[in-house]
Amino acid sequence: MAVHGSCHCGRVRIEAPSAPAWVADCNCSLCRRLAWRVAYFPPDEVRISGETLAYIWGDRMIGIHHCPVCGCGTHWRTLGEDFGRMGVNARLLDGFDESAVEVRKFDNAG
């Protein structure tokens, strides 16, 4: 069953195919500062509506999108190579309960 969510101001809406069974807790410099919990989905199964801006850094492989009005980080997409997945900020999904999913630690601080 599809799940929905939005940024704080509601201008960016997210529709994902299902609630995530697990989320990533990445400790890279950006994810740590943004406090994201990332859920992964095939890109063709996620619908993002509303304007976003992409922040591109590091190896320039992904664009980290956020709402230009309220600043909430919404999702990331690849900038070239297709990884077969995209990341959605699970904390923006309606009814997301971190205690009800597995949180996998990703060590990307290197």
N, C-alpha and C. Protein backbone atom coordinates (compact mmCIF):
# COMPACT_ATOMS: atom_id res chain seq x y z
N MET A 1 0.84 -1.17 0.00
CA MET A 1 0.00 0.00 0.00
C MET A 1 0.89 1.24 0.00
N ALA A 2 0.56 2.19 -0.84
CA ALA A 2 1.35 3.42 -0.97
C ALA A 2 1.32 4.23 0.33
N VAL A 3 2.42 4.92 0.58
CA VAL A 3 2.52 5.83 1.71
C VAL A 3 2.82 7.22 1.17
N HIS A 4 2.40 8.22 1.92
CA HIS A 4 2.54 9.60 1.50
C HIS A 4 3.27 10.40 2.56
N GLY A 5 3.78 11.52 2.16
CA GLY A 5 4.43 12.41 3.09
C GLY A 5 4.66 13.75 2.43
N SER A 6 5.26 14.66 3.19
CA SER A 6 5.54 15.98 2.65
C SER A 6 6.63 16.66 3.47
N CYS A 7 7.13 17.75 2.90
CA CYS A 7 8.04 18.61 3.65
C CYS A 7 7.20 19.38 4.69
N HIS A 8 7.84 20.19 5.49
CA HIS A 8 7.14 20.90 6.57
C HIS A 8 6.06 21.85 6.06
N CYS A 9 6.36 22.58 4.98
CA CYS A 9 5.38 23.55 4.48
C CYS A 9 4.35 22.91 3.55
N GLY A 10 4.58 21.66 3.12
CA GLY A 10 3.63 20.95 2.27
C GLY A 10 3.76 21.19 0.79
N ARG A 11 4.74 21.99 0.37
CA ARG A 11 4.89 22.27 -1.06
C ARG A 11 5.51 21.11 -1.83
N VAL A 12 6.26 20.26 -1.14
CA VAL A 12 6.81 19.07 -1.78
C VAL A 12 6.09 17.87 -1.19
N ARG A 13 5.51 17.06 -2.05
CA ARG A 13 4.77 15.88 -1.64
C ARG A 13 5.51 14.64 -2.12
N ILE A 14 5.44 13.59 -1.31
CA ILE A 14 6.12 12.33 -1.61
C ILE A 14 5.10 11.20 -1.60
N GLU A 15 5.17 10.34 -2.60
CA GLU A 15 4.40 9.10 -2.60
C GLU A 15 5.36 7.96 -2.87
N ALA A 16 5.42 7.01 -1.95
CA ALA A 16 6.28 5.83 -2.08
C ALA A 16 5.38 4.59 -2.12
N PRO A 17 5.90 3.49 -2.68
CA PRO A 17 5.05 2.32 -2.88
C PRO A 17 4.60 1.63 -1.60
N SER A 18 5.39 1.77 -0.52
CA SER A 18 5.06 1.08 0.73
C SER A 18 5.85 1.71 1.87
N ALA A 19 5.45 1.39 3.07
CA ALA A 19 6.24 1.81 4.23
C ALA A 19 7.56 1.04 4.20
N PRO A 20 8.65 1.68 4.58
CA PRO A 20 9.93 0.97 4.55
C PRO A 20 10.01 -0.10 5.63
N ALA A 21 10.63 -1.23 5.28
CA ALA A 21 10.88 -2.28 6.27
C ALA A 21 12.12 -1.96 7.09
N TRP A 22 13.02 -1.17 6.51
CA TRP A 22 14.23 -0.74 7.20
C TRP A 22 14.64 0.62 6.64
N VAL A 23 15.44 1.33 7.42
CA VAL A 23 15.97 2.62 7.00
C VAL A 23 17.46 2.68 7.32
N ALA A 24 18.17 3.52 6.59
CA ALA A 24 19.60 3.68 6.80
C ALA A 24 19.86 4.85 7.75
N ASP A 25 20.81 4.63 8.64
CA ASP A 25 21.34 5.68 9.51
C ASP A 25 22.79 5.86 9.08
N CYS A 26 23.01 6.80 8.17
CA CYS A 26 24.33 7.03 7.61
C CYS A 26 25.06 8.07 8.44
N ASN A 27 26.36 7.87 8.65
CA ASN A 27 27.13 8.81 9.45
C ASN A 27 28.05 9.69 8.60
N CYS A 28 27.77 9.81 7.30
CA CYS A 28 28.57 10.73 6.50
C CYS A 28 28.32 12.15 7.01
N SER A 29 29.19 13.06 6.63
CA SER A 29 29.10 14.42 7.17
C SER A 29 27.76 15.08 6.87
N LEU A 30 27.15 14.81 5.73
CA LEU A 30 25.87 15.44 5.39
C LEU A 30 24.70 14.78 6.11
N CYS A 31 24.59 13.46 6.01
CA CYS A 31 23.46 12.76 6.66
C CYS A 31 23.46 12.97 8.17
N ARG A 32 24.64 13.02 8.75
CA ARG A 32 24.74 13.25 10.18
C ARG A 32 24.16 14.62 10.54
N ARG A 33 24.47 15.62 9.75
CA ARG A 33 23.97 16.97 10.02
C ARG A 33 22.48 17.11 9.72
N LEU A 34 22.02 16.40 8.70
CA LEU A 34 20.60 16.49 8.33
C LEU A 34 19.71 15.57 9.16
N ALA A 35 20.30 14.59 9.84
CA ALA A 35 19.56 13.62 10.67
C ALA A 35 18.53 12.83 9.87
N TRP A 36 18.87 12.51 8.65
CA TRP A 36 17.98 11.72 7.80
C TRP A 36 17.90 10.27 8.28
N ARG A 37 16.81 9.63 7.99
CA ARG A 37 16.67 8.18 7.98
C ARG A 37 16.21 7.88 6.57
N VAL A 38 17.06 7.23 5.81
CA VAL A 38 16.81 7.05 4.38
C VAL A 38 16.15 5.70 4.10
N ALA A 39 15.04 5.76 3.39
CA ALA A 39 14.36 4.57 2.87
C ALA A 39 14.67 4.49 1.38
N TYR A 40 14.94 3.30 0.89
CA TYR A 40 15.32 3.12 -0.51
C TYR A 40 14.19 2.48 -1.30
N PHE A 41 13.97 3.01 -2.50
CA PHE A 41 12.92 2.51 -3.39
C PHE A 41 13.42 2.60 -4.83
N PRO A 42 12.87 1.75 -5.73
CA PRO A 42 13.16 1.94 -7.15
C PRO A 42 12.63 3.31 -7.58
N PRO A 43 13.41 4.09 -8.33
CA PRO A 43 13.00 5.45 -8.67
C PRO A 43 11.68 5.55 -9.42
N ASP A 44 11.38 4.54 -10.23
CA ASP A 44 10.13 4.60 -11.00
C ASP A 44 8.90 4.29 -10.14
N GLU A 45 9.11 3.96 -8.86
CA GLU A 45 7.98 3.68 -7.96
C GLU A 45 7.72 4.82 -6.97
N VAL A 46 8.48 5.90 -7.08
CA VAL A 46 8.34 7.04 -6.17
C VAL A 46 7.89 8.25 -6.98
N ARG A 47 6.94 8.97 -6.42
CA ARG A 47 6.50 10.21 -7.06
C ARG A 47 6.80 11.39 -6.14
N ILE A 48 7.55 12.33 -6.63
CA ILE A 48 7.84 13.57 -5.92
C ILE A 48 7.15 14.68 -6.69
N SER A 49 6.32 15.46 -6.01
CA SER A 49 5.68 16.58 -6.68
C SER A 49 6.02 17.86 -5.93
N GLY A 50 6.16 18.92 -6.68
CA GLY A 50 6.57 20.19 -6.12
C GLY A 50 8.03 20.46 -6.45
N GLU A 51 8.41 21.72 -6.40
CA GLU A 51 9.77 22.12 -6.74
C GLU A 51 10.75 21.74 -5.64
N THR A 52 11.89 21.20 -6.04
CA THR A 52 12.99 20.94 -5.11
C THR A 52 14.27 21.51 -5.70
N LEU A 53 15.24 21.73 -4.84
CA LEU A 53 16.57 22.13 -5.26
C LEU A 53 17.53 21.02 -4.87
N ALA A 54 18.51 20.78 -5.71
CA ALA A 54 19.49 19.72 -5.43
C ALA A 54 20.81 20.31 -4.95
N TYR A 55 21.33 19.70 -3.91
CA TYR A 55 22.67 20.01 -3.42
C TYR A 55 23.56 18.87 -3.90
N ILE A 56 24.64 19.22 -4.59
CA ILE A 56 25.53 18.22 -5.16
C ILE A 56 26.91 18.44 -4.56
N TRP A 57 27.49 17.37 -4.02
CA TRP A 57 28.79 17.52 -3.35
C TRP A 57 29.61 16.26 -3.53
N GLY A 58 30.77 16.24 -2.96
CA GLY A 58 31.62 15.05 -2.93
C GLY A 58 31.92 14.49 -4.30
N ASP A 59 31.60 13.23 -4.50
CA ASP A 59 31.91 12.56 -5.76
C ASP A 59 30.92 12.89 -6.86
N ARG A 60 29.96 13.76 -6.57
CA ARG A 60 28.99 14.27 -7.55
C ARG A 60 28.17 13.14 -8.20
N MET A 61 27.88 12.11 -7.43
CA MET A 61 27.11 10.97 -7.93
C MET A 61 25.62 11.10 -7.66
N ILE A 62 25.25 11.87 -6.63
CA ILE A 62 23.84 12.02 -6.29
C ILE A 62 23.51 13.49 -6.02
N GLY A 63 22.24 13.83 -6.25
CA GLY A 63 21.73 15.14 -5.88
C GLY A 63 20.85 14.98 -4.66
N ILE A 64 21.14 15.73 -3.61
CA ILE A 64 20.37 15.69 -2.37
C ILE A 64 19.35 16.81 -2.47
N HIS A 65 18.07 16.47 -2.57
CA HIS A 65 17.03 17.45 -2.82
C HIS A 65 16.39 17.95 -1.53
N HIS A 66 16.00 19.22 -1.58
CA HIS A 66 15.30 19.83 -0.45
C HIS A 66 14.28 20.83 -0.95
N CYS A 67 13.33 21.15 -0.10
CA CYS A 67 12.30 22.14 -0.41
C CYS A 67 12.95 23.53 -0.34
N PRO A 68 12.76 24.37 -1.36
CA PRO A 68 13.36 25.70 -1.34
C PRO A 68 12.65 26.66 -0.38
N VAL A 69 11.50 26.28 0.12
CA VAL A 69 10.75 27.16 1.02
C VAL A 69 11.08 26.85 2.49
N CYS A 70 10.84 25.60 2.92
CA CYS A 70 11.05 25.26 4.34
C CYS A 70 12.39 24.61 4.61
N GLY A 71 13.08 24.15 3.57
CA GLY A 71 14.41 23.59 3.72
C GLY A 71 14.48 22.11 4.04
N CYS A 72 13.36 21.44 4.20
CA CYS A 72 13.39 20.00 4.53
C CYS A 72 14.05 19.20 3.41
N GLY A 73 14.98 18.32 3.80
CA GLY A 73 15.57 17.38 2.85
C GLY A 73 14.54 16.33 2.50
N THR A 74 14.28 16.13 1.23
CA THR A 74 13.20 15.25 0.80
C THR A 74 13.66 13.91 0.24
N HIS A 75 14.69 13.93 -0.62
CA HIS A 75 15.11 12.70 -1.28
C HIS A 75 16.46 12.92 -1.95
N TRP A 76 17.04 11.82 -2.41
CA TRP A 76 18.21 11.92 -3.27
C TRP A 76 17.97 11.08 -4.52
N ARG A 77 18.59 11.53 -5.61
CA ARG A 77 18.55 10.82 -6.89
C ARG A 77 19.96 10.78 -7.47
N THR A 78 20.21 9.77 -8.29
CA THR A 78 21.51 9.67 -8.95
C THR A 78 21.63 10.73 -10.03
N LEU A 79 22.86 11.08 -10.35
CA LEU A 79 23.13 12.08 -11.38
C LEU A 79 23.71 11.47 -12.64
N GLY A 80 23.67 10.21 -12.75
CA GLY A 80 24.22 9.56 -13.94
C GLY A 80 23.94 8.09 -13.87
N GLU A 81 24.88 7.36 -13.32
CA GLU A 81 24.73 5.91 -13.21
C GLU A 81 23.45 5.57 -12.47
N ASP A 82 22.70 4.63 -13.00
CA ASP A 82 21.45 4.21 -12.37
C ASP A 82 21.75 3.15 -11.33
N PHE A 83 21.55 3.46 -10.07
CA PHE A 83 21.77 2.51 -8.98
C PHE A 83 20.57 1.59 -8.76
N GLY A 84 19.47 1.84 -9.49
CA GLY A 84 18.26 1.04 -9.31
C GLY A 84 17.51 1.40 -8.05
N ARG A 85 17.90 2.50 -7.43
CA ARG A 85 17.23 2.93 -6.22
C ARG A 85 17.44 4.43 -6.03
N MET A 86 16.58 4.99 -5.23
CA MET A 86 16.73 6.37 -4.80
C MET A 86 16.43 6.40 -3.31
N GLY A 87 16.84 7.44 -2.65
CA GLY A 87 16.61 7.55 -1.22
C GLY A 87 15.55 8.58 -0.91
N VAL A 88 14.67 8.24 0.03
CA VAL A 88 13.61 9.14 0.49
C VAL A 88 13.81 9.37 1.98
N ASN A 89 13.67 10.60 2.42
CA ASN A 89 13.77 10.90 3.84
C ASN A 89 12.54 10.32 4.53
N ALA A 90 12.69 9.17 5.16
CA ALA A 90 11.55 8.46 5.77
C ALA A 90 10.89 9.28 6.87
N ARG A 91 11.61 10.18 7.48
CA ARG A 91 11.03 11.00 8.55
C ARG A 91 9.95 11.94 8.03
N LEU A 92 9.85 12.11 6.73
CA LEU A 92 8.79 12.94 6.15
C LEU A 92 7.54 12.13 5.81
N LEU A 93 7.59 10.82 5.89
CA LEU A 93 6.44 9.98 5.54
C LEU A 93 5.42 10.00 6.67
N ASP A 94 4.16 10.18 6.31
CA ASP A 94 3.08 10.20 7.30
C ASP A 94 3.09 8.91 8.11
N GLY A 95 3.05 9.02 9.42
CA GLY A 95 2.97 7.87 10.30
C GLY A 95 4.26 7.11 10.47
N PHE A 96 5.38 7.63 9.95
CA PHE A 96 6.65 6.92 10.10
C PHE A 96 7.01 6.80 11.57
N ASP A 97 7.29 5.57 12.00
CA ASP A 97 7.65 5.30 13.39
C ASP A 97 8.99 4.57 13.37
N GLU A 98 10.04 5.29 13.71
CA GLU A 98 11.38 4.71 13.65
C GLU A 98 11.51 3.49 14.54
N SER A 99 10.77 3.42 15.62
CA SER A 99 10.87 2.28 16.53
C SER A 99 10.24 1.02 15.94
N ALA A 100 9.50 1.16 14.84
CA ALA A 100 8.82 0.02 14.24
C ALA A 100 9.57 -0.57 13.04
N VAL A 101 10.73 0.00 12.71
CA VAL A 101 11.51 -0.51 11.59
C VAL A 101 12.94 -0.79 12.02
N GLU A 102 13.60 -1.61 11.25
CA GLU A 102 15.02 -1.86 11.50
C GLU A 102 15.82 -0.64 11.04
N VAL A 103 16.73 -0.17 11.87
CA VAL A 103 17.62 0.94 11.51
C VAL A 103 19.00 0.34 11.28
N ARG A 104 19.47 0.40 10.04
CA ARG A 104 20.78 -0.15 9.67
C ARG A 104 21.81 0.97 9.66
N LYS A 105 22.90 0.77 10.37
CA LYS A 105 23.97 1.75 10.44
C LYS A 105 24.86 1.63 9.19
N PHE A 106 25.09 2.73 8.51
CA PHE A 106 25.97 2.78 7.36
C PHE A 106 27.17 3.64 7.76
N ASP A 107 28.36 3.07 7.71
CA ASP A 107 29.56 3.80 8.09
C ASP A 107 30.20 4.41 6.86
N ASN A 108 29.86 5.67 6.61
CA ASN A 108 30.40 6.39 5.46
C ASN A 108 31.18 7.63 5.88
N ALA A 109 31.66 7.62 7.12
CA ALA A 109 32.37 8.79 7.65
C ALA A 109 33.78 8.91 7.08
N GLY A 110 34.31 7.81 6.54
CA GLY A 110 35.67 7.72 6.04
C GLY A 110 36.14 8.84 5.28
